[in-house]
Amino acid sequence: MADPKGFLNHGREVAKTRPVTERVKDWNEVYVPGSLLPIISKQASRCMDCGIPFCHNGCPLGNLIPEWNDYAYREDWAAASERLHATNNFPEFTGRLCPAPCESACVLGINQPPVTIKNVEVSIIDKAWETGDVAPQIPERLSGKTVAVIGSGPAGLAAAQQLTRAGHTVAVYERADRIGGLLRYGIPEFKMEKRHINRRIEQMRAEGTRFRTGIEIGRDLKATDLKKRYDAVVIAAGATTARDLPVPGRELKGIYQAMEYLPLSNKVQEGDYVTSPISAEGKHVVVIGGGDTGADCVGTAHRQGAASVTQLEIMPRPGEERNPGQPWPTFPMLYKVTSAHEEGGERVYSVSTTHFEGDEDGNVQWLHLTEVEFVDGRLTPKPGTERKIPAQLVTLAMGFTGTDRENGLVEQFGLELDERGNIARDADFGTNVPGVFVAGDAGRGQSLIVWAIAEGRSAAKGADRFLTGTSDLPAPIRPTDRSLMA
């Protein structure tokens, strides 16, 4: 363990963020560079010898958190990096983007602020890149087997890296023009700079993974033809079908899905555009959806110079402390203030959009809403609470309903779906089609980045066993595993 009295001697300190007035003028990560390293050893020392580390259960990857906390406390960064990579292919992604269910399950969190696990994680991996402790792991011999991975998000990349290291020849197919999936075009630069993806891609190229961009399986290349080319296929295409809002006025110009809006600002940072074709500059912006994707839209609108930003959520505002119905170590629903919310805007809870109103040219101008409340377990409009707010740009960030069915991938493979519309899979993450496996949101439904990486690692084991008859690859989860919820 780390310092036996660490949790008694030191309070919780987190990464410092740059001043709002400074960071909204650029797209760099919001954190003060280098602010973590001076405090991180003390923070790692707060990890207590708790006997049963429930943080392992909170994280689907089974991260060896107490072990790398101890190494970070002792500033043995090489050993900490080795322990971190033992269960996680991409800790620089999770350390920046994961909502940290491990911290919610931290034993210290029963009656004190939990250990800053995310901050320790990202400090270790950033130090590892700085000192050269992250190197390609080239397989000693090749198996002669080939694998196609469809999708280059965290699940696809994790599966590809695991299978490449097992000695298989792996090609990753991505329909976008760059590798990364939602990491590339769904996550704004201010949450994770894309240089972190780029250097992982270079590591994977050096290990032997091949990448094919601009190819959508089902449209550009038939799934049946792909199946003939490769010995196995791993589908990690995500759950990209966005939930829509079928209310009057939805057809007006200026109303977009979040994943129509967010990728364009990332393309500006990649140099594809000078300014975004969909910009919030000078407009009253309304974001429908109170989750992380909605917060990403809020932060993006701030940086584009929106006149105002309002975020709507149909559910009541969560509490700032654990609800008794969500006891430790479950992941609680808490009122969350992200960096984007710190930058301004209004958040409105318990409201539902009734319709949109536009001008004579068909551009959205107003959003009409009503307050809602639970009546007999159902959300019901409250009479007399109808009102309208200005809305010249509206983004829909209400989640996703399943994998893409329009490109033909599901039908061409002949895949069976489960009752939720996800691709069905067996205990080895295999589909009803022999040799075809599924990982990530395409099989699980919309979920967190740690679950995506865990799925990719587990599906890789299933594919490896199919190809060779046995496998030494780890499988941290089963397809039926779910988050620890009350």
Protein backbone atom coordinates (compact mmCIF):
# COMPACT_ATOMS: atom_id res chain seq x y z
CA MET A 1 0.00 0.00 0.00
CA ALA A 2 0.97 3.66 -0.12
CA ASP A 3 1.30 5.87 2.97
CA PRO A 4 -0.75 4.20 5.78
CA LYS A 5 -1.81 7.64 6.98
CA GLY A 6 -2.11 9.28 3.59
CA PHE A 7 -5.89 9.52 3.66
CA LEU A 8 -5.67 11.08 7.14
CA ASN A 9 -2.92 13.58 6.33
CA HIS A 10 -4.01 14.79 2.90
CA GLY A 11 -7.29 16.06 1.51
CA ARG A 12 -8.49 15.52 -2.02
CA GLU A 13 -6.94 17.79 -4.67
CA VAL A 14 -7.83 17.58 -8.35
CA ALA A 15 -6.30 18.91 -11.55
CA LYS A 16 -6.42 22.69 -11.88
CA THR A 17 -8.27 24.16 -14.82
CA ARG A 18 -7.25 27.22 -16.77
CA PRO A 19 -9.26 30.44 -16.22
CA VAL A 20 -12.55 30.45 -18.10
CA THR A 21 -11.75 33.75 -19.84
CA GLU A 22 -8.58 32.16 -21.23
CA ARG A 23 -9.74 28.69 -22.23
CA VAL A 24 -12.91 29.69 -24.11
CA LYS A 25 -10.65 31.53 -26.56
CA ASP A 26 -8.89 28.34 -27.67
CA TRP A 27 -9.51 24.62 -28.12
CA ASN A 28 -6.70 23.28 -25.95
CA GLU A 29 -7.43 20.99 -23.02
CA VAL A 30 -8.94 22.91 -20.12
CA TYR A 31 -6.39 21.76 -17.54
CA VAL A 32 -3.28 23.68 -16.50
CA PRO A 33 -0.36 21.78 -18.07
CA GLY A 34 1.88 20.14 -15.48
CA SER A 35 -0.37 20.99 -12.53
CA LEU A 36 -0.91 17.39 -11.45
CA LEU A 37 2.62 16.04 -11.04
CA PRO A 38 3.56 18.16 -7.98
CA ILE A 39 0.53 16.89 -6.03
CA ILE A 40 -0.06 13.43 -7.45
CA SER A 41 2.20 11.43 -5.11
CA LYS A 42 0.35 12.80 -2.08
CA GLN A 43 -2.96 12.09 -3.78
CA ALA A 44 -1.91 8.53 -4.58
CA SER A 45 -0.91 8.08 -0.93
CA ARG A 46 -4.57 8.53 0.05
CA CYS A 47 -5.25 5.03 -1.32
CA MET A 48 -5.81 3.00 1.85
CA ASP A 49 -5.14 -0.66 2.62
CA CYS A 50 -8.86 -1.38 2.41
CA GLY A 51 -8.59 -5.17 2.18
CA ILE A 52 -11.21 -5.54 -0.54
CA PRO A 53 -10.58 -2.85 -3.18
CA PHE A 54 -14.08 -2.15 -4.45
CA CYS A 55 -12.58 0.18 -7.06
CA HIS A 56 -11.82 -3.03 -9.00
CA ASN A 57 -15.54 -3.75 -9.14
CA GLY A 58 -16.41 -0.20 -10.11
CA CYS A 59 -14.13 -0.44 -13.16
CA PRO A 60 -15.05 -3.07 -15.79
CA LEU A 61 -11.42 -3.22 -16.87
CA GLY A 62 -10.44 -4.55 -13.45
CA ASN A 63 -7.71 -1.92 -13.20
CA LEU A 64 -5.10 -2.70 -10.53
CA ILE A 65 -5.69 0.64 -8.89
CA PRO A 66 -4.10 0.11 -5.45
CA GLU A 67 -0.96 -1.27 -7.09
CA TRP A 68 -0.34 1.66 -9.42
CA ASN A 69 -1.35 4.11 -6.70
CA ASP A 70 1.44 2.66 -4.56
CA TYR A 71 3.97 2.98 -7.39
CA ALA A 72 2.87 6.55 -8.09
CA TYR A 73 3.24 7.40 -4.41
CA ARG A 74 6.82 6.07 -4.55
CA GLU A 75 7.36 7.81 -7.91
CA ASP A 76 8.29 4.53 -9.58
CA TRP A 77 6.69 5.64 -12.85
CA ALA A 78 7.92 2.73 -14.97
CA ALA A 79 6.38 0.15 -12.64
CA ALA A 80 3.20 2.21 -12.37
CA SER A 81 2.92 2.31 -16.16
CA GLU A 82 3.41 -1.44 -16.43
CA ARG A 83 0.62 -2.10 -13.91
CA LEU A 84 -1.65 0.42 -15.62
CA HIS A 85 -1.15 -1.13 -19.06
CA ALA A 86 -1.70 -4.64 -17.68
CA THR A 87 -5.47 -4.04 -17.84
CA ASN A 88 -5.97 -0.94 -20.00
CA ASN A 89 -4.75 -0.36 -23.55
CA PHE A 90 -5.42 3.37 -23.52
CA PRO A 91 -5.22 4.93 -20.04
CA GLU A 92 -4.65 8.40 -21.50
CA PHE A 93 -8.16 8.16 -22.99
CA THR A 94 -9.90 6.88 -19.86
CA GLY A 95 -7.91 9.21 -17.60
CA ARG A 96 -9.36 12.16 -19.50
CA LEU A 97 -12.81 10.99 -20.54
CA CYS A 98 -14.13 8.35 -18.15
CA PRO A 99 -16.65 9.49 -15.48
CA ALA A 100 -14.67 7.31 -13.04
CA PRO A 101 -17.06 4.71 -11.60
CA CYS A 102 -13.94 3.47 -9.80
CA GLU A 103 -13.97 6.62 -7.65
CA SER A 104 -17.63 6.11 -6.80
CA ALA A 105 -16.67 2.63 -5.54
CA CYS A 106 -13.58 3.79 -3.60
CA VAL A 107 -13.79 2.58 0.02
CA LEU A 108 -12.49 5.93 1.25
CA GLY A 109 -15.53 7.49 -0.41
CA ILE A 110 -17.86 5.97 2.20
CA ASN A 111 -17.23 8.92 4.51
CA GLN A 112 -14.56 11.07 2.82
CA PRO A 113 -13.85 12.41 -0.68
CA PRO A 114 -12.53 9.41 -2.65
CA VAL A 115 -9.04 8.98 -4.07
CA THR A 116 -8.44 10.97 -7.28
CA ILE A 117 -8.00 7.77 -9.27
CA LYS A 118 -8.51 9.41 -12.68
CA ASN A 119 -5.89 12.06 -12.00
CA VAL A 120 -3.37 9.48 -10.82
CA GLU A 121 -4.06 7.40 -13.93
CA VAL A 122 -3.53 10.24 -16.38
CA SER A 123 -0.39 11.39 -14.53
CA ILE A 124 1.15 7.93 -14.82
CA ILE A 125 0.49 7.56 -18.54
CA ASP A 126 1.55 11.11 -19.40
CA LYS A 127 4.80 10.51 -17.51
CA ALA A 128 5.23 7.18 -19.31
CA TRP A 129 4.97 8.85 -22.71
CA GLU A 130 7.39 11.55 -21.58
CA THR A 131 10.02 9.05 -20.37
CA GLY A 132 9.64 6.61 -23.28
CA ASP A 133 8.10 3.81 -21.22
CA VAL A 134 5.37 3.33 -23.85
CA ALA A 135 6.80 1.30 -26.71
CA PRO A 136 5.41 -0.94 -29.47
CA GLN A 137 4.88 -4.57 -28.39
CA ILE A 138 5.65 -6.48 -31.55
CA PRO A 139 4.55 -10.14 -31.55
CA GLU A 140 7.33 -12.72 -31.56
CA ARG A 141 5.69 -14.70 -34.37
CA LEU A 142 2.70 -14.40 -36.67
CA SER A 143 -0.18 -16.83 -36.64
CA GLY A 144 -0.94 -16.62 -40.34
CA LYS A 145 -4.55 -15.68 -39.48
CA THR A 146 -6.23 -12.44 -40.56
CA VAL A 147 -8.81 -10.33 -38.74
CA ALA A 148 -10.89 -7.36 -39.86
CA VAL A 149 -12.08 -4.91 -37.21
CA ILE A 150 -15.00 -2.70 -38.21
CA GLY A 151 -14.82 0.62 -36.36
CA SER A 152 -11.92 2.48 -34.79
CA GLY A 153 -13.43 3.74 -31.56
CA PRO A 154 -12.09 2.54 -28.20
CA ALA A 155 -13.63 -0.94 -28.53
CA GLY A 156 -12.28 -1.48 -32.05
CA LEU A 157 -8.83 -0.16 -31.23
CA ALA A 158 -8.58 -2.29 -28.08
CA ALA A 159 -9.64 -5.43 -29.96
CA ALA A 160 -7.24 -4.66 -32.79
CA GLN A 161 -4.27 -4.08 -30.51
CA GLN A 162 -4.90 -7.25 -28.51
CA LEU A 163 -5.27 -9.40 -31.63
CA THR A 164 -2.21 -7.87 -33.27
CA ARG A 165 -0.14 -8.61 -30.19
CA ALA A 166 -1.44 -12.18 -30.28
CA GLY A 167 0.23 -12.53 -33.69
CA HIS A 168 -2.70 -12.09 -36.05
CA THR A 169 -2.67 -9.77 -39.04
CA VAL A 170 -5.30 -7.14 -38.26
CA ALA A 171 -6.86 -4.45 -40.46
CA VAL A 172 -9.12 -1.79 -38.96
CA TYR A 173 -11.84 -0.37 -41.23
CA GLU A 174 -13.15 3.11 -40.43
CA ARG A 175 -15.82 4.92 -42.46
CA ALA A 176 -14.56 8.39 -41.46
CA ASP A 177 -11.49 9.99 -42.99
CA ARG A 178 -9.42 9.56 -39.82
CA ILE A 179 -8.98 6.85 -37.21
CA GLY A 180 -10.56 7.26 -33.78
CA GLY A 181 -14.33 6.96 -34.10
CA LEU A 182 -16.13 9.04 -31.47
CA LEU A 183 -12.77 9.69 -29.81
CA ARG A 184 -11.78 11.61 -32.94
CA TYR A 185 -14.99 13.34 -33.97
CA GLY A 186 -17.34 13.06 -30.99
CA ILE A 187 -15.05 14.33 -28.21
CA PRO A 188 -14.15 18.03 -28.43
CA GLU A 189 -10.50 19.01 -28.46
CA PHE A 190 -10.84 20.83 -25.13
CA LYS A 191 -11.66 17.50 -23.44
CA MET A 192 -8.93 15.49 -25.17
CA GLU A 193 -6.43 16.81 -27.66
CA LYS A 194 -6.19 14.48 -30.62
CA ARG A 195 -2.42 14.15 -30.36
CA HIS A 196 -3.14 11.48 -27.75
CA ILE A 197 -4.97 9.39 -30.35
CA ASN A 198 -2.32 10.02 -33.00
CA ARG A 199 0.56 8.65 -30.97
CA ARG A 200 -1.41 5.51 -30.03
CA ILE A 201 -2.15 4.96 -33.70
CA GLU A 202 1.55 5.21 -34.47
CA GLN A 203 2.31 2.69 -31.73
CA MET A 204 -0.26 0.32 -33.21
CA ARG A 205 1.12 0.78 -36.73
CA ALA A 206 4.58 -0.11 -35.42
CA GLU A 207 3.12 -3.26 -33.86
CA GLY A 208 1.65 -4.27 -37.22
CA THR A 209 -1.97 -3.14 -37.14
CA ARG A 210 -3.16 -1.82 -40.49
CA PHE A 211 -5.72 0.94 -40.93
CA ARG A 212 -8.20 1.54 -43.75
CA THR A 213 -10.08 4.84 -43.60
CA GLY A 214 -12.94 6.11 -45.72
CA ILE A 215 -14.43 2.63 -46.14
CA GLU A 216 -17.91 1.94 -44.79
CA ILE A 217 -18.68 -1.75 -44.55
CA GLY A 218 -22.10 -2.37 -46.08
CA ARG A 219 -21.87 0.53 -48.52
CA ASP A 220 -18.32 0.81 -49.87
CA LEU A 221 -17.47 -2.83 -49.25
CA LYS A 222 -20.09 -5.55 -48.83
CA ALA A 223 -19.98 -7.40 -45.55
CA THR A 224 -20.05 -10.73 -47.38
CA ASP A 225 -16.94 -9.79 -49.35
CA LEU A 226 -15.15 -8.73 -46.16
CA LYS A 227 -16.04 -12.06 -44.55
CA LYS A 228 -14.46 -13.92 -47.47
CA ARG A 229 -11.21 -11.93 -47.19
CA TYR A 230 -10.58 -12.51 -43.48
CA ASP A 231 -10.52 -15.47 -41.12
CA ALA A 232 -12.45 -13.52 -38.47
CA VAL A 233 -14.30 -10.22 -38.15
CA VAL A 234 -14.83 -8.05 -35.07
CA ILE A 235 -17.69 -5.56 -35.38
CA ALA A 236 -17.11 -2.48 -33.22
CA ALA A 237 -19.20 -0.04 -35.21
CA GLY A 238 -20.79 1.64 -32.20
CA ALA A 239 -24.38 2.62 -31.51
CA THR A 240 -24.55 5.60 -33.84
CA THR A 241 -28.30 5.82 -34.51
CA ALA A 242 -29.25 8.98 -32.65
CA ARG A 243 -32.52 9.37 -30.75
CA ASP A 244 -34.64 12.00 -32.51
CA LEU A 245 -37.28 14.47 -31.30
CA PRO A 246 -40.44 14.05 -33.39
CA VAL A 247 -42.27 17.27 -32.52
CA PRO A 248 -43.80 19.94 -34.80
CA GLY A 249 -41.13 22.14 -36.37
CA ARG A 250 -38.38 19.49 -36.28
CA GLU A 251 -37.88 20.04 -40.03
CA LEU A 252 -36.79 23.68 -39.55
CA LYS A 253 -33.26 24.65 -40.49
CA GLY A 254 -30.87 25.07 -37.59
CA ILE A 255 -31.85 21.88 -35.71
CA TYR A 256 -29.12 19.24 -35.71
CA GLN A 257 -28.17 16.03 -34.03
CA ALA A 258 -25.18 16.50 -31.72
CA MET A 259 -23.11 14.22 -33.94
CA GLU A 260 -23.85 16.45 -36.92
CA TYR A 261 -22.65 19.47 -34.97
CA LEU A 262 -19.66 18.31 -32.91
CA PRO A 263 -17.52 16.63 -35.61
CA LEU A 264 -17.34 19.83 -37.64
CA SER A 265 -15.59 21.75 -34.88
CA ASN A 266 -13.09 18.90 -34.62
CA LYS A 267 -12.54 19.08 -38.35
CA VAL A 268 -11.68 22.76 -37.93
CA GLN A 269 -8.97 21.72 -35.48
CA GLU A 270 -7.72 19.14 -37.98
CA GLY A 271 -7.39 21.90 -40.59
CA ASP A 272 -10.23 20.73 -42.84
CA TYR A 273 -12.20 23.97 -42.38
CA VAL A 274 -11.32 27.53 -41.43
CA THR A 275 -14.64 27.89 -39.58
CA SER A 276 -17.33 25.32 -38.84
CA PRO A 277 -20.14 25.05 -41.42
CA ILE A 278 -22.49 24.90 -38.41
CA SER A 279 -21.46 27.68 -36.06
CA ALA A 280 -23.04 29.06 -32.88
CA GLU A 281 -21.46 32.46 -33.35
CA GLY A 282 -23.87 35.21 -32.33
CA LYS A 283 -26.78 32.77 -31.94
CA HIS A 284 -29.04 31.74 -29.10
CA VAL A 285 -28.19 28.07 -28.68
CA VAL A 286 -30.37 25.42 -27.06
CA VAL A 287 -28.95 21.99 -26.24
CA ILE A 288 -31.58 19.29 -25.61
CA GLY A 289 -30.13 16.60 -23.37
CA GLY A 290 -28.37 16.91 -20.03
CA GLY A 291 -25.61 14.31 -20.41
CA ASP A 292 -21.95 14.47 -21.38
CA THR A 293 -22.68 14.87 -25.09
CA GLY A 294 -24.91 17.83 -24.25
CA ALA A 295 -22.11 19.33 -22.17
CA ASP A 296 -19.75 18.91 -25.14
CA CYS A 297 -22.21 20.91 -27.25
CA VAL A 298 -22.32 23.60 -24.54
CA GLY A 299 -18.53 23.97 -24.44
CA THR A 300 -18.31 24.00 -28.22
CA ALA A 301 -20.96 26.74 -28.47
CA HIS A 302 -19.08 28.86 -25.94
CA ARG A 303 -15.90 28.66 -28.01
CA GLN A 304 -17.77 29.56 -31.18
CA GLY A 305 -19.09 32.76 -29.58
CA ALA A 306 -22.74 31.94 -28.90
CA ALA A 307 -24.96 34.81 -27.74
CA SER A 308 -26.49 32.50 -25.12
CA VAL A 309 -26.49 28.79 -24.31
CA THR A 310 -29.34 26.92 -22.62
CA GLN A 311 -29.25 23.21 -21.83
CA LEU A 312 -32.55 21.39 -21.30
CA GLU A 313 -33.08 18.14 -19.40
CA ILE A 314 -36.40 16.32 -19.05
CA MET A 315 -35.47 14.68 -15.74
CA PRO A 316 -35.37 16.49 -12.36
CA ARG A 317 -32.09 18.00 -11.22
CA PRO A 318 -30.01 15.34 -9.38
CA GLY A 319 -28.83 15.96 -5.85
CA GLU A 320 -25.29 16.99 -4.93
CA GLU A 321 -24.92 14.07 -2.50
CA ARG A 322 -25.70 10.37 -2.80
CA ASN A 323 -29.35 9.46 -2.84
CA PRO A 324 -30.12 6.82 -0.17
CA GLY A 325 -31.47 4.69 -3.01
CA GLN A 326 -28.01 4.71 -4.65
CA PRO A 327 -25.73 3.59 -1.80
CA TRP A 328 -21.99 3.08 -1.99
CA PRO A 329 -20.42 1.43 -3.99
CA THR A 330 -22.97 1.91 -6.79
CA PHE A 331 -22.49 4.67 -9.34
CA PRO A 332 -24.67 7.58 -8.13
CA MET A 333 -26.61 10.07 -10.21
CA LEU A 334 -25.23 13.39 -8.96
CA TYR A 335 -25.47 16.99 -10.06
CA LYS A 336 -22.39 17.37 -12.22
CA VAL A 337 -20.67 20.61 -13.15
CA THR A 338 -18.35 19.98 -16.08
CA SER A 339 -15.74 22.40 -17.37
CA ALA A 340 -18.25 23.44 -20.05
CA HIS A 341 -20.84 24.34 -17.43
CA GLU A 342 -18.26 26.42 -15.56
CA GLU A 343 -17.92 28.52 -18.69
CA GLY A 344 -21.48 29.81 -18.57
CA GLY A 345 -24.96 29.13 -19.87
CA GLU A 346 -28.19 28.09 -18.19
CA ARG A 347 -29.30 24.59 -17.24
CA VAL A 348 -33.04 23.93 -17.05
CA TYR A 349 -34.40 20.70 -15.56
CA SER A 350 -37.82 19.00 -15.65
CA VAL A 351 -38.82 20.48 -19.00
CA SER A 352 -39.99 18.94 -22.28
CA THR A 353 -39.96 20.47 -25.76
CA THR A 354 -43.44 20.74 -27.29
CA HIS A 355 -42.59 22.30 -30.66
CA PHE A 356 -40.28 24.62 -32.60
CA GLU A 357 -41.20 27.91 -34.25
CA GLY A 358 -39.40 29.36 -37.24
CA ASP A 359 -39.22 32.49 -39.39
CA GLU A 360 -40.55 33.00 -42.91
CA ASP A 361 -37.38 31.47 -44.36
CA GLY A 362 -37.74 28.23 -42.44
CA ASN A 363 -35.04 28.91 -39.84
CA VAL A 364 -35.70 27.94 -36.24
CA GLN A 365 -36.19 30.95 -33.97
CA TRP A 366 -38.03 29.75 -30.88
CA LEU A 367 -38.32 26.58 -28.82
CA HIS A 368 -41.58 26.01 -26.95
CA LEU A 369 -41.40 23.97 -23.77
CA THR A 370 -43.41 22.96 -20.75
CA GLU A 371 -42.46 21.88 -17.27
CA VAL A 372 -43.02 18.21 -16.43
CA GLU A 373 -43.47 16.20 -13.25
CA PHE A 374 -43.89 12.57 -12.30
CA VAL A 375 -47.52 11.52 -11.95
CA ASP A 376 -48.15 7.82 -11.25
CA GLY A 377 -44.58 7.09 -12.32
CA ARG A 378 -44.87 8.90 -15.66
CA LEU A 379 -43.54 12.29 -16.73
CA THR A 380 -46.55 14.51 -17.31
CA PRO A 381 -46.79 18.16 -18.48
CA LYS A 382 -47.69 20.68 -15.77
CA PRO A 383 -50.62 22.85 -16.93
CA GLY A 384 -49.90 26.55 -17.19
CA THR A 385 -46.10 26.21 -17.43
CA GLU A 386 -45.76 26.55 -21.20
CA ARG A 387 -43.28 29.15 -22.44
CA LYS A 388 -40.86 29.77 -25.28
CA ILE A 389 -37.16 30.59 -25.37
CA PRO A 390 -35.03 31.96 -28.22
CA ALA A 391 -33.37 29.23 -30.26
CA GLN A 392 -31.44 29.94 -33.45
CA LEU A 393 -29.31 26.79 -33.20
CA VAL A 394 -30.61 23.62 -31.56
CA THR A 395 -28.59 20.46 -30.94
CA LEU A 396 -30.19 17.16 -29.99
CA ALA A 397 -28.06 15.24 -27.50
CA MET A 398 -30.53 12.66 -26.25
CA GLY A 399 -28.48 9.54 -26.66
CA PHE A 400 -28.39 6.70 -29.18
CA THR A 401 -30.75 3.83 -29.90
CA GLY A 402 -28.55 1.24 -31.58
CA THR A 403 -26.11 0.42 -34.33
CA ASP A 404 -26.55 1.77 -37.86
CA ARG A 405 -29.08 -0.29 -39.81
CA GLU A 406 -29.12 1.85 -42.97
CA ASN A 407 -25.68 0.92 -44.31
CA GLY A 408 -26.59 -2.75 -44.74
CA LEU A 409 -23.94 -4.19 -42.43
CA VAL A 410 -26.38 -6.06 -40.17
CA GLU A 411 -28.46 -7.47 -43.02
CA GLN A 412 -25.51 -8.41 -45.23
CA PHE A 413 -23.87 -10.39 -42.46
CA GLY A 414 -27.25 -11.86 -41.50
CA LEU A 415 -26.84 -10.87 -37.86
CA GLU A 416 -29.43 -11.47 -35.19
CA LEU A 417 -30.40 -8.62 -32.86
CA ASP A 418 -31.43 -8.77 -29.22
CA GLU A 419 -34.61 -7.30 -27.75
CA ARG A 420 -32.96 -3.88 -27.40
CA GLY A 421 -31.90 -3.74 -31.05
CA ASN A 422 -28.23 -4.46 -30.36
CA ILE A 423 -26.28 -7.17 -32.17
CA ALA A 424 -26.77 -10.41 -30.21
CA ARG A 425 -23.68 -12.30 -29.05
CA ASP A 426 -22.78 -15.42 -27.08
CA ALA A 427 -20.47 -15.85 -24.08
CA ASP A 428 -17.41 -15.45 -26.33
CA PHE A 429 -18.80 -12.25 -27.90
CA GLY A 430 -19.54 -14.24 -31.05
CA THR A 431 -22.60 -13.53 -33.18
CA ASN A 432 -24.87 -16.08 -34.82
CA VAL A 433 -22.46 -16.00 -37.80
CA PRO A 434 -19.37 -18.17 -37.13
CA GLY A 435 -16.18 -16.10 -37.07
CA VAL A 436 -17.99 -12.79 -36.60
CA PHE A 437 -17.70 -11.14 -33.19
CA VAL A 438 -19.10 -7.91 -31.78
CA ALA A 439 -17.64 -5.51 -29.21
CA GLY A 440 -18.61 -2.19 -27.68
CA ASP A 441 -21.80 -0.21 -28.11
CA ALA A 442 -22.88 -2.23 -31.16
CA GLY A 443 -23.50 -5.18 -28.84
CA ARG A 444 -23.93 -3.51 -25.45
CA GLY A 445 -25.77 -0.35 -26.39
CA GLN A 446 -24.66 3.16 -25.52
CA SER A 447 -22.14 2.95 -22.68
CA LEU A 448 -18.90 4.35 -21.20
CA ILE A 449 -15.39 4.33 -22.64
CA VAL A 450 -14.13 1.88 -19.99
CA TRP A 451 -16.83 -0.59 -20.98
CA ALA A 452 -15.89 -0.15 -24.63
CA ILE A 453 -12.23 -0.97 -23.98
CA ALA A 454 -13.20 -3.89 -21.74
CA GLU A 455 -15.50 -5.20 -24.48
CA GLY A 456 -12.76 -4.87 -27.09
CA ARG A 457 -10.33 -6.84 -24.93
CA SER A 458 -12.91 -9.53 -24.19
CA ALA A 459 -14.04 -9.89 -27.81
CA ALA A 460 -10.40 -10.20 -28.83
CA LYS A 461 -10.08 -13.25 -26.60
CA GLY A 462 -13.15 -14.80 -28.22
CA ALA A 463 -11.79 -14.17 -31.71
CA ASP A 464 -8.34 -15.46 -30.75
CA ARG A 465 -9.85 -18.67 -29.38
CA PHE A 466 -11.88 -19.11 -32.57
CA LEU A 467 -8.75 -18.70 -34.71
CA THR A 468 -6.33 -20.84 -32.71
CA GLY A 469 -8.44 -23.10 -30.47
CA THR A 470 -7.12 -21.49 -27.30
CA SER A 471 -6.23 -18.03 -26.00
CA ASP A 472 -4.08 -16.44 -23.31
CA LEU A 473 -5.63 -13.01 -23.85
CA PRO A 474 -7.52 -11.52 -20.88
CA ALA A 475 -11.29 -11.12 -20.92
CA PRO A 476 -12.23 -8.68 -18.14
CA ILE A 477 -16.01 -8.89 -18.66
CA ARG A 478 -18.80 -11.12 -19.95
CA PRO A 479 -21.33 -9.83 -22.49
CA THR A 480 -24.01 -9.88 -19.81
CA ASP A 481 -22.08 -7.86 -17.22
CA ARG A 482 -23.50 -4.45 -16.35
CA SER A 483 -22.50 -1.46 -14.25
CA LEU A 484 -22.95 -1.75 -10.50
CA MET A 485 -26.26 0.10 -10.09
CA ALA A 486 -28.87 0.21 -7.34
